[in-house]
Amino acid sequence: MLTLKRIAALGAVLGLLGLATIALATPPSGQHTTPPIVGTLQPAHRIKADGVKFRTRGPVEVSTFTLTLDPGGFTGWHRHPGILFATVQSGAVVRDVGCKSHTYFAGEVFIEHGNQPTGQVRNASATAPAAFSVTQIAPPGHPKRTESEPRNCEHQHDAH
């Protein structure tokens, strides 16, 4: 049976763990987005045309917006439900997913989806902004972004 002191101590520990989790997430810095344009695609769709397949099992929300990163700006570590297509409009961005990074330049596209490890996008330049347009297809009613902690990649380097 838990005594009042043990319950208070357990509550304090859980509270500190909760604060530590919040403190470890990396919020965006120097990120600016246009208001999203959101529409619902109904009902389920199954399309196969010109080498492209598109299939939904029910309604989905389609959101489109533009994201600009200031010089040195970044999105913070996060995940997205569904699928997100990003087309770099200007500048260059570095996309970190898990413990790997890739640079994308104007005219190039990258895809994010809910089955990937946590990731972030950062401006490759310390002197010029970078912008990319985003179209996200996700289940309706879900948050379009979930904050997460950065990946700890140090252990991978030690193992080699």
N, C-alpha and C. Protein backbone atom coordinates (compact mmCIF):
# COMPACT_ATOMS: atom_id res chain seq x y z
N MET A 1 0.84 -1.18 0.00
CA MET A 1 0.00 0.00 0.00
C MET A 1 0.89 1.24 0.00
N LEU A 2 0.56 2.20 -0.84
CA LEU A 2 1.36 3.41 -0.95
C LEU A 2 0.98 4.41 0.15
N THR A 3 1.98 4.93 0.82
CA THR A 3 1.72 5.96 1.81
C THR A 3 1.66 7.31 1.11
N LEU A 4 1.17 8.32 1.81
CA LEU A 4 1.05 9.66 1.23
C LEU A 4 2.42 10.20 0.83
N LYS A 5 3.47 9.93 1.62
CA LYS A 5 4.82 10.39 1.29
C LYS A 5 5.32 9.73 0.00
N ARG A 6 5.05 8.43 -0.15
CA ARG A 6 5.50 7.72 -1.36
C ARG A 6 4.74 8.23 -2.59
N ILE A 7 3.48 8.48 -2.45
CA ILE A 7 2.69 9.00 -3.57
C ILE A 7 3.22 10.38 -3.96
N ALA A 8 3.52 11.23 -2.99
CA ALA A 8 4.06 12.56 -3.28
C ALA A 8 5.42 12.46 -3.96
N ALA A 9 6.26 11.55 -3.46
CA ALA A 9 7.59 11.38 -4.06
C ALA A 9 7.47 10.86 -5.49
N LEU A 10 6.58 9.90 -5.72
CA LEU A 10 6.37 9.36 -7.06
C LEU A 10 5.85 10.44 -7.99
N GLY A 11 4.93 11.26 -7.50
CA GLY A 11 4.42 12.37 -8.30
C GLY A 11 5.51 13.36 -8.68
N ALA A 12 6.39 13.66 -7.74
CA ALA A 12 7.49 14.59 -8.00
C ALA A 12 8.44 14.01 -9.06
N VAL A 13 8.77 12.73 -8.95
CA VAL A 13 9.66 12.09 -9.93
C VAL A 13 9.02 12.09 -11.31
N LEU A 14 7.75 11.72 -11.40
CA LEU A 14 7.06 11.71 -12.69
C LEU A 14 6.97 13.11 -13.27
N GLY A 15 6.75 14.09 -12.44
CA GLY A 15 6.71 15.48 -12.90
C GLY A 15 8.05 15.92 -13.47
N LEU A 16 9.14 15.56 -12.78
CA LEU A 16 10.48 15.90 -13.27
C LEU A 16 10.78 15.19 -14.58
N LEU A 17 10.36 13.93 -14.70
CA LEU A 17 10.57 13.21 -15.96
C LEU A 17 9.79 13.88 -17.08
N GLY A 18 8.59 14.31 -16.80
CA GLY A 18 7.79 15.02 -17.81
C GLY A 18 8.46 16.31 -18.24
N LEU A 19 9.01 17.08 -17.30
CA LEU A 19 9.72 18.31 -17.64
C LEU A 19 10.97 18.02 -18.44
N ALA A 20 11.67 16.93 -18.09
CA ALA A 20 12.88 16.58 -18.83
C ALA A 20 12.54 16.24 -20.27
N THR A 21 11.43 15.55 -20.49
CA THR A 21 11.02 15.21 -21.85
C THR A 21 10.71 16.47 -22.64
N ILE A 22 10.01 17.40 -22.03
CA ILE A 22 9.67 18.65 -22.70
C ILE A 22 10.95 19.43 -23.00
N ALA A 23 11.87 19.46 -22.06
CA ALA A 23 13.10 20.23 -22.24
C ALA A 23 13.99 19.65 -23.33
N LEU A 24 13.92 18.33 -23.56
CA LEU A 24 14.79 17.70 -24.54
C LEU A 24 14.29 17.89 -25.98
N ALA A 25 13.01 18.15 -26.19
CA ALA A 25 12.51 18.40 -27.53
C ALA A 25 13.15 19.68 -28.06
N THR A 26 13.33 19.75 -29.37
CA THR A 26 13.98 20.92 -29.95
C THR A 26 12.96 21.72 -30.76
N PRO A 27 12.51 22.84 -30.24
CA PRO A 27 11.53 23.64 -30.98
C PRO A 27 12.19 24.29 -32.19
N PRO A 28 11.38 24.70 -33.17
CA PRO A 28 11.94 25.37 -34.35
C PRO A 28 12.62 26.68 -33.97
N SER A 29 13.53 27.12 -34.82
CA SER A 29 14.20 28.40 -34.66
C SER A 29 14.34 29.03 -36.04
N GLY A 30 13.86 30.25 -36.20
CA GLY A 30 13.96 30.93 -37.49
C GLY A 30 13.07 30.32 -38.55
N GLN A 31 11.97 29.71 -38.15
CA GLN A 31 11.03 29.07 -39.08
C GLN A 31 9.79 29.94 -39.22
N HIS A 32 9.35 30.18 -40.44
CA HIS A 32 8.15 30.96 -40.70
C HIS A 32 7.30 30.21 -41.73
N THR A 33 6.01 30.06 -41.44
CA THR A 33 5.13 29.36 -42.38
C THR A 33 3.97 30.26 -42.78
N THR A 34 3.52 30.07 -44.01
CA THR A 34 2.31 30.75 -44.44
C THR A 34 1.13 30.00 -43.84
N PRO A 35 -0.03 30.64 -43.73
CA PRO A 35 -1.20 29.90 -43.24
C PRO A 35 -1.49 28.73 -44.19
N PRO A 36 -1.76 27.55 -43.64
CA PRO A 36 -2.01 26.40 -44.52
C PRO A 36 -3.37 26.50 -45.20
N ILE A 37 -3.41 25.98 -46.41
CA ILE A 37 -4.67 25.80 -47.12
C ILE A 37 -5.00 24.32 -46.94
N VAL A 38 -6.15 24.03 -46.32
CA VAL A 38 -6.49 22.66 -45.95
C VAL A 38 -7.81 22.27 -46.60
N GLY A 39 -7.83 21.10 -47.21
CA GLY A 39 -9.06 20.55 -47.77
C GLY A 39 -9.14 19.07 -47.46
N THR A 40 -10.35 18.54 -47.47
CA THR A 40 -10.56 17.12 -47.20
C THR A 40 -10.89 16.40 -48.50
N LEU A 41 -10.14 15.34 -48.78
CA LEU A 41 -10.37 14.52 -49.95
C LEU A 41 -11.21 13.32 -49.52
N GLN A 42 -12.42 13.20 -50.10
CA GLN A 42 -13.31 12.11 -49.77
C GLN A 42 -13.84 11.51 -51.05
N PRO A 43 -14.31 10.36 -51.10
CA PRO A 43 -14.12 9.24 -50.16
C PRO A 43 -12.76 8.61 -50.42
N ALA A 44 -12.65 7.30 -50.20
CA ALA A 44 -11.41 6.60 -50.49
C ALA A 44 -11.13 6.66 -52.00
N HIS A 45 -9.84 6.72 -52.34
CA HIS A 45 -9.43 6.79 -53.75
C HIS A 45 -8.41 5.70 -54.06
N ARG A 46 -8.48 5.21 -55.26
CA ARG A 46 -7.49 4.26 -55.76
C ARG A 46 -7.24 4.62 -57.22
N ILE A 47 -6.07 5.20 -57.46
CA ILE A 47 -5.74 5.69 -58.79
C ILE A 47 -4.38 5.12 -59.20
N LYS A 48 -4.31 4.69 -60.44
CA LYS A 48 -3.05 4.22 -61.01
C LYS A 48 -2.96 4.83 -62.40
N ALA A 49 -2.03 5.77 -62.57
CA ALA A 49 -1.92 6.46 -63.85
C ALA A 49 -0.48 6.89 -64.10
N ASP A 50 0.02 6.64 -65.30
CA ASP A 50 1.33 7.11 -65.73
C ASP A 50 2.46 6.74 -64.77
N GLY A 51 2.42 5.54 -64.23
CA GLY A 51 3.49 5.07 -63.35
C GLY A 51 3.38 5.54 -61.92
N VAL A 52 2.27 6.18 -61.56
CA VAL A 52 2.05 6.67 -60.20
C VAL A 52 0.84 5.97 -59.62
N LYS A 53 0.98 5.50 -58.36
CA LYS A 53 -0.15 4.91 -57.64
C LYS A 53 -0.51 5.81 -56.47
N PHE A 54 -1.80 5.99 -56.26
CA PHE A 54 -2.29 6.78 -55.13
C PHE A 54 -3.49 6.04 -54.56
N ARG A 55 -3.43 5.77 -53.25
CA ARG A 55 -4.52 5.01 -52.64
C ARG A 55 -4.79 5.54 -51.24
N THR A 56 -6.03 5.77 -50.94
CA THR A 56 -6.44 6.12 -49.59
C THR A 56 -7.53 5.13 -49.18
N ARG A 57 -7.68 4.92 -47.89
CA ARG A 57 -8.70 3.99 -47.40
C ARG A 57 -9.89 4.71 -46.80
N GLY A 58 -9.85 6.01 -46.87
CA GLY A 58 -10.92 6.83 -46.32
C GLY A 58 -10.58 8.28 -46.58
N PRO A 59 -11.29 9.19 -45.95
CA PRO A 59 -10.98 10.60 -46.16
C PRO A 59 -9.60 10.96 -45.64
N VAL A 60 -8.96 11.91 -46.30
CA VAL A 60 -7.66 12.44 -45.87
C VAL A 60 -7.69 13.95 -45.99
N GLU A 61 -6.90 14.61 -45.15
CA GLU A 61 -6.74 16.06 -45.26
C GLU A 61 -5.50 16.35 -46.08
N VAL A 62 -5.64 17.30 -47.00
CA VAL A 62 -4.53 17.74 -47.82
C VAL A 62 -4.23 19.18 -47.40
N SER A 63 -3.01 19.43 -46.93
CA SER A 63 -2.59 20.75 -46.47
C SER A 63 -1.43 21.22 -47.34
N THR A 64 -1.49 22.50 -47.73
CA THR A 64 -0.42 23.08 -48.52
C THR A 64 0.00 24.40 -47.89
N PHE A 65 1.32 24.61 -47.75
CA PHE A 65 1.84 25.86 -47.20
C PHE A 65 3.28 26.03 -47.63
N THR A 66 3.83 27.20 -47.37
CA THR A 66 5.24 27.47 -47.66
C THR A 66 5.97 27.71 -46.34
N LEU A 67 7.14 27.13 -46.22
CA LEU A 67 7.95 27.26 -45.02
C LEU A 67 9.26 27.95 -45.41
N THR A 68 9.62 29.00 -44.68
CA THR A 68 10.87 29.71 -44.90
C THR A 68 11.73 29.58 -43.65
N LEU A 69 13.00 29.28 -43.86
CA LEU A 69 13.97 29.20 -42.76
C LEU A 69 14.94 30.36 -42.88
N ASP A 70 15.08 31.12 -41.80
CA ASP A 70 16.07 32.19 -41.75
C ASP A 70 17.46 31.58 -41.89
N PRO A 71 18.48 32.40 -42.20
CA PRO A 71 19.85 31.88 -42.20
C PRO A 71 20.14 31.18 -40.86
N GLY A 72 20.61 29.95 -40.92
CA GLY A 72 20.88 29.18 -39.71
C GLY A 72 19.64 28.61 -39.04
N GLY A 73 18.45 28.84 -39.61
CA GLY A 73 17.20 28.37 -39.01
C GLY A 73 16.99 26.87 -39.19
N PHE A 74 16.11 26.32 -38.35
CA PHE A 74 15.82 24.88 -38.43
C PHE A 74 14.40 24.62 -37.93
N THR A 75 13.86 23.46 -38.29
CA THR A 75 12.49 23.10 -37.94
C THR A 75 12.37 22.47 -36.56
N GLY A 76 13.48 22.04 -35.98
CA GLY A 76 13.41 21.26 -34.74
C GLY A 76 13.07 19.82 -35.10
N TRP A 77 13.39 18.91 -34.21
CA TRP A 77 13.16 17.48 -34.45
C TRP A 77 11.68 17.18 -34.29
N HIS A 78 11.13 16.44 -35.27
CA HIS A 78 9.69 16.18 -35.29
C HIS A 78 9.38 15.01 -36.21
N ARG A 79 8.11 14.64 -36.22
CA ARG A 79 7.56 13.63 -37.13
C ARG A 79 6.25 14.16 -37.68
N HIS A 80 5.85 13.62 -38.83
CA HIS A 80 4.56 13.95 -39.43
C HIS A 80 3.77 12.68 -39.67
N PRO A 81 2.45 12.71 -39.43
CA PRO A 81 1.64 11.56 -39.84
C PRO A 81 1.42 11.63 -41.35
N GLY A 82 1.07 10.53 -41.95
CA GLY A 82 0.78 10.52 -43.38
C GLY A 82 2.04 10.71 -44.20
N ILE A 83 1.88 11.43 -45.33
CA ILE A 83 2.98 11.66 -46.27
C ILE A 83 3.09 13.14 -46.55
N LEU A 84 4.32 13.64 -46.61
CA LEU A 84 4.57 15.06 -46.85
C LEU A 84 5.57 15.18 -48.01
N PHE A 85 5.22 16.00 -49.01
CA PHE A 85 6.11 16.30 -50.13
C PHE A 85 6.61 17.72 -49.95
N ALA A 86 7.92 17.92 -50.02
CA ALA A 86 8.50 19.26 -49.88
C ALA A 86 9.35 19.56 -51.11
N THR A 87 9.07 20.69 -51.76
CA THR A 87 9.83 21.13 -52.94
C THR A 87 10.61 22.38 -52.56
N VAL A 88 11.93 22.30 -52.66
CA VAL A 88 12.77 23.45 -52.31
C VAL A 88 12.58 24.52 -53.39
N GLN A 89 12.16 25.71 -52.94
CA GLN A 89 11.92 26.83 -53.86
C GLN A 89 13.16 27.69 -54.03
N SER A 90 13.87 27.93 -52.94
CA SER A 90 15.07 28.78 -53.00
C SER A 90 16.04 28.37 -51.92
N GLY A 91 17.32 28.59 -52.20
CA GLY A 91 18.36 28.21 -51.25
C GLY A 91 18.58 26.72 -51.24
N ALA A 92 19.06 26.23 -50.13
CA ALA A 92 19.31 24.80 -49.93
C ALA A 92 18.99 24.46 -48.48
N VAL A 93 18.50 23.24 -48.29
CA VAL A 93 18.20 22.77 -46.94
C VAL A 93 18.87 21.43 -46.70
N VAL A 94 19.20 21.18 -45.45
CA VAL A 94 19.77 19.90 -45.05
C VAL A 94 18.69 19.18 -44.28
N ARG A 95 18.36 17.98 -44.71
CA ARG A 95 17.35 17.18 -44.03
C ARG A 95 18.05 16.08 -43.24
N ASP A 96 17.86 16.12 -41.94
CA ASP A 96 18.42 15.10 -41.04
C ASP A 96 17.31 14.13 -40.70
N VAL A 97 17.51 12.85 -40.99
CA VAL A 97 16.54 11.81 -40.63
C VAL A 97 17.32 10.74 -39.91
N GLY A 98 16.91 10.49 -38.67
CA GLY A 98 17.69 9.55 -37.89
C GLY A 98 19.11 10.07 -37.79
N CYS A 99 20.08 9.27 -38.20
CA CYS A 99 21.49 9.66 -38.11
C CYS A 99 22.10 9.96 -39.48
N LYS A 100 21.26 10.22 -40.48
CA LYS A 100 21.74 10.53 -41.82
C LYS A 100 21.27 11.92 -42.24
N SER A 101 22.08 12.59 -43.08
CA SER A 101 21.76 13.93 -43.58
C SER A 101 21.89 13.95 -45.09
N HIS A 102 21.05 14.76 -45.73
CA HIS A 102 21.13 14.96 -47.18
C HIS A 102 20.76 16.41 -47.49
N THR A 103 21.49 17.04 -48.41
CA THR A 103 21.23 18.42 -48.80
C THR A 103 20.38 18.45 -50.06
N TYR A 104 19.35 19.29 -50.05
CA TYR A 104 18.45 19.47 -51.19
C TYR A 104 18.53 20.92 -51.65
N PHE A 105 18.60 21.11 -52.96
CA PHE A 105 18.73 22.43 -53.57
C PHE A 105 17.43 22.82 -54.28
N ALA A 106 17.32 24.09 -54.66
CA ALA A 106 16.12 24.59 -55.35
C ALA A 106 15.76 23.66 -56.50
N GLY A 107 14.48 23.29 -56.57
CA GLY A 107 13.98 22.39 -57.60
C GLY A 107 13.99 20.93 -57.21
N GLU A 108 14.60 20.58 -56.08
CA GLU A 108 14.61 19.20 -55.63
C GLU A 108 13.49 18.97 -54.61
N VAL A 109 13.08 17.72 -54.50
CA VAL A 109 11.95 17.35 -53.64
C VAL A 109 12.41 16.29 -52.65
N PHE A 110 11.87 16.37 -51.42
CA PHE A 110 12.06 15.27 -50.47
C PHE A 110 10.71 14.90 -49.90
N ILE A 111 10.64 13.68 -49.40
CA ILE A 111 9.38 13.14 -48.85
C ILE A 111 9.61 12.76 -47.41
N GLU A 112 8.65 13.12 -46.56
CA GLU A 112 8.66 12.68 -45.17
C GLU A 112 7.39 11.85 -44.96
N HIS A 113 7.48 10.87 -44.07
CA HIS A 113 6.28 10.08 -43.75
C HIS A 113 6.35 9.56 -42.33
N GLY A 114 5.21 9.15 -41.84
CA GLY A 114 5.07 8.76 -40.45
C GLY A 114 5.84 7.52 -40.03
N ASN A 115 6.36 6.73 -40.98
CA ASN A 115 7.11 5.53 -40.63
C ASN A 115 8.60 5.77 -40.52
N GLN A 116 9.06 7.01 -40.77
CA GLN A 116 10.48 7.33 -40.70
C GLN A 116 10.90 7.64 -39.27
N PRO A 117 12.21 7.53 -39.01
CA PRO A 117 12.71 8.00 -37.71
C PRO A 117 12.51 9.51 -37.59
N THR A 118 12.65 10.03 -36.41
CA THR A 118 12.51 11.46 -36.18
C THR A 118 13.49 12.23 -37.08
N GLY A 119 13.10 13.45 -37.47
CA GLY A 119 13.95 14.23 -38.37
C GLY A 119 13.79 15.72 -38.16
N GLN A 120 14.62 16.47 -38.86
CA GLN A 120 14.52 17.92 -38.88
C GLN A 120 15.05 18.42 -40.22
N VAL A 121 14.69 19.65 -40.57
CA VAL A 121 15.22 20.30 -41.76
C VAL A 121 15.88 21.58 -41.29
N ARG A 122 17.06 21.87 -41.84
CA ARG A 122 17.76 23.09 -41.45
C ARG A 122 18.27 23.80 -42.69
N ASN A 123 18.37 25.10 -42.59
CA ASN A 123 18.89 25.91 -43.68
C ASN A 123 20.37 25.59 -43.84
N ALA A 124 20.81 25.34 -45.07
CA ALA A 124 22.21 25.03 -45.32
C ALA A 124 23.09 26.29 -45.27
N SER A 125 22.45 27.47 -45.31
CA SER A 125 23.20 28.72 -45.36
C SER A 125 23.11 29.48 -44.04
N ALA A 126 24.21 30.13 -43.69
CA ALA A 126 24.23 31.00 -42.52
C ALA A 126 24.00 32.46 -42.93
N THR A 127 23.82 32.72 -44.24
CA THR A 127 23.68 34.10 -44.71
C THR A 127 22.43 34.38 -45.53
N ALA A 128 21.76 33.36 -46.06
CA ALA A 128 20.59 33.57 -46.92
C ALA A 128 19.44 32.67 -46.48
N PRO A 129 18.19 33.13 -46.60
CA PRO A 129 17.06 32.27 -46.24
C PRO A 129 16.88 31.13 -47.25
N ALA A 130 16.15 30.12 -46.85
CA ALA A 130 15.77 29.01 -47.73
C ALA A 130 14.27 28.82 -47.59
N ALA A 131 13.62 28.47 -48.69
CA ALA A 131 12.16 28.28 -48.66
C ALA A 131 11.79 27.00 -49.38
N PHE A 132 10.75 26.34 -48.89
CA PHE A 132 10.22 25.18 -49.58
C PHE A 132 8.71 25.11 -49.42
N SER A 133 8.04 24.61 -50.46
CA SER A 133 6.60 24.43 -50.41
C SER A 133 6.31 23.01 -49.92
N VAL A 134 5.24 22.88 -49.17
CA VAL A 134 4.91 21.60 -48.55
C VAL A 134 3.47 21.23 -48.87
N THR A 135 3.28 19.97 -49.26
CA THR A 135 1.94 19.40 -49.38
C THR A 135 1.93 18.15 -48.53
N GLN A 136 1.02 18.12 -47.56
CA GLN A 136 0.92 16.98 -46.63
C GLN A 136 -0.43 16.32 -46.79
N ILE A 137 -0.42 15.00 -46.87
CA ILE A 137 -1.64 14.20 -46.94
C ILE A 137 -1.66 13.36 -45.67
N ALA A 138 -2.67 13.59 -44.83
CA ALA A 138 -2.67 12.94 -43.52
C ALA A 138 -4.10 12.61 -43.09
N PRO A 139 -4.23 11.70 -42.13
CA PRO A 139 -5.56 11.39 -41.61
C PRO A 139 -6.22 12.63 -41.01
N PRO A 140 -7.51 12.82 -41.24
CA PRO A 140 -8.17 14.01 -40.68
C PRO A 140 -8.21 13.96 -39.16
N GLY A 141 -8.10 15.14 -38.56
CA GLY A 141 -8.22 15.26 -37.11
C GLY A 141 -6.95 14.96 -36.34
N HIS A 142 -5.88 14.54 -36.98
CA HIS A 142 -4.63 14.27 -36.29
C HIS A 142 -3.77 15.53 -36.30
N PRO A 143 -2.91 15.70 -35.28
CA PRO A 143 -1.94 16.80 -35.34
C PRO A 143 -1.07 16.60 -36.58
N LYS A 144 -0.73 17.68 -37.25
CA LYS A 144 0.05 17.58 -38.48
C LYS A 144 1.55 17.45 -38.20
N ARG A 145 1.93 17.62 -36.94
CA ARG A 145 3.34 17.54 -36.56
C ARG A 145 3.39 17.13 -35.09
N THR A 146 4.35 16.26 -34.76
CA THR A 146 4.59 15.85 -33.39
C THR A 146 6.04 16.14 -33.06
N GLU A 147 6.27 16.91 -32.02
CA GLU A 147 7.64 17.22 -31.59
C GLU A 147 8.30 15.95 -31.08
N SER A 148 9.60 15.84 -31.26
CA SER A 148 10.33 14.68 -30.77
C SER A 148 11.74 15.08 -30.36
N GLU A 149 12.39 14.19 -29.68
CA GLU A 149 13.76 14.42 -29.24
C GLU A 149 14.71 14.13 -30.39
N PRO A 150 15.86 14.82 -30.44
CA PRO A 150 16.84 14.50 -31.47
C PRO A 150 17.38 13.10 -31.29
N ARG A 151 17.79 12.48 -32.39
CA ARG A 151 18.39 11.16 -32.32
C ARG A 151 19.78 11.26 -31.71
N ASN A 152 20.14 10.29 -30.92
CA ASN A 152 21.48 10.21 -30.36
C ASN A 152 22.28 9.28 -31.25
N CYS A 153 23.15 9.86 -32.05
CA CYS A 153 23.91 9.08 -33.04
C CYS A 153 25.32 8.74 -32.56
N GLU A 154 25.69 9.19 -31.37
CA GLU A 154 27.05 8.94 -30.87
C GLU A 154 27.34 7.45 -30.75
N HIS A 155 26.34 6.66 -30.31
CA HIS A 155 26.57 5.23 -30.12
C HIS A 155 26.87 4.53 -31.44
N GLN A 156 26.37 5.03 -32.56
CA GLN A 156 26.66 4.42 -33.86
C GLN A 156 28.12 4.60 -34.25
N HIS A 157 28.69 5.75 -33.92
CA HIS A 157 30.08 6.01 -34.25
C HIS A 157 31.03 5.17 -33.39
N ASP A 158 30.61 4.93 -32.13
CA ASP A 158 31.45 4.15 -31.23
C ASP A 158 31.51 2.68 -31.64
N ALA A 159 30.46 2.18 -32.29
CA ALA A 159 30.37 0.77 -32.63
C ALA A 159 31.25 0.40 -33.82
N HIS A 160 31.69 1.39 -34.60
CA HIS A 160 32.47 1.10 -35.81
C HIS A 160 33.95 1.14 -35.57
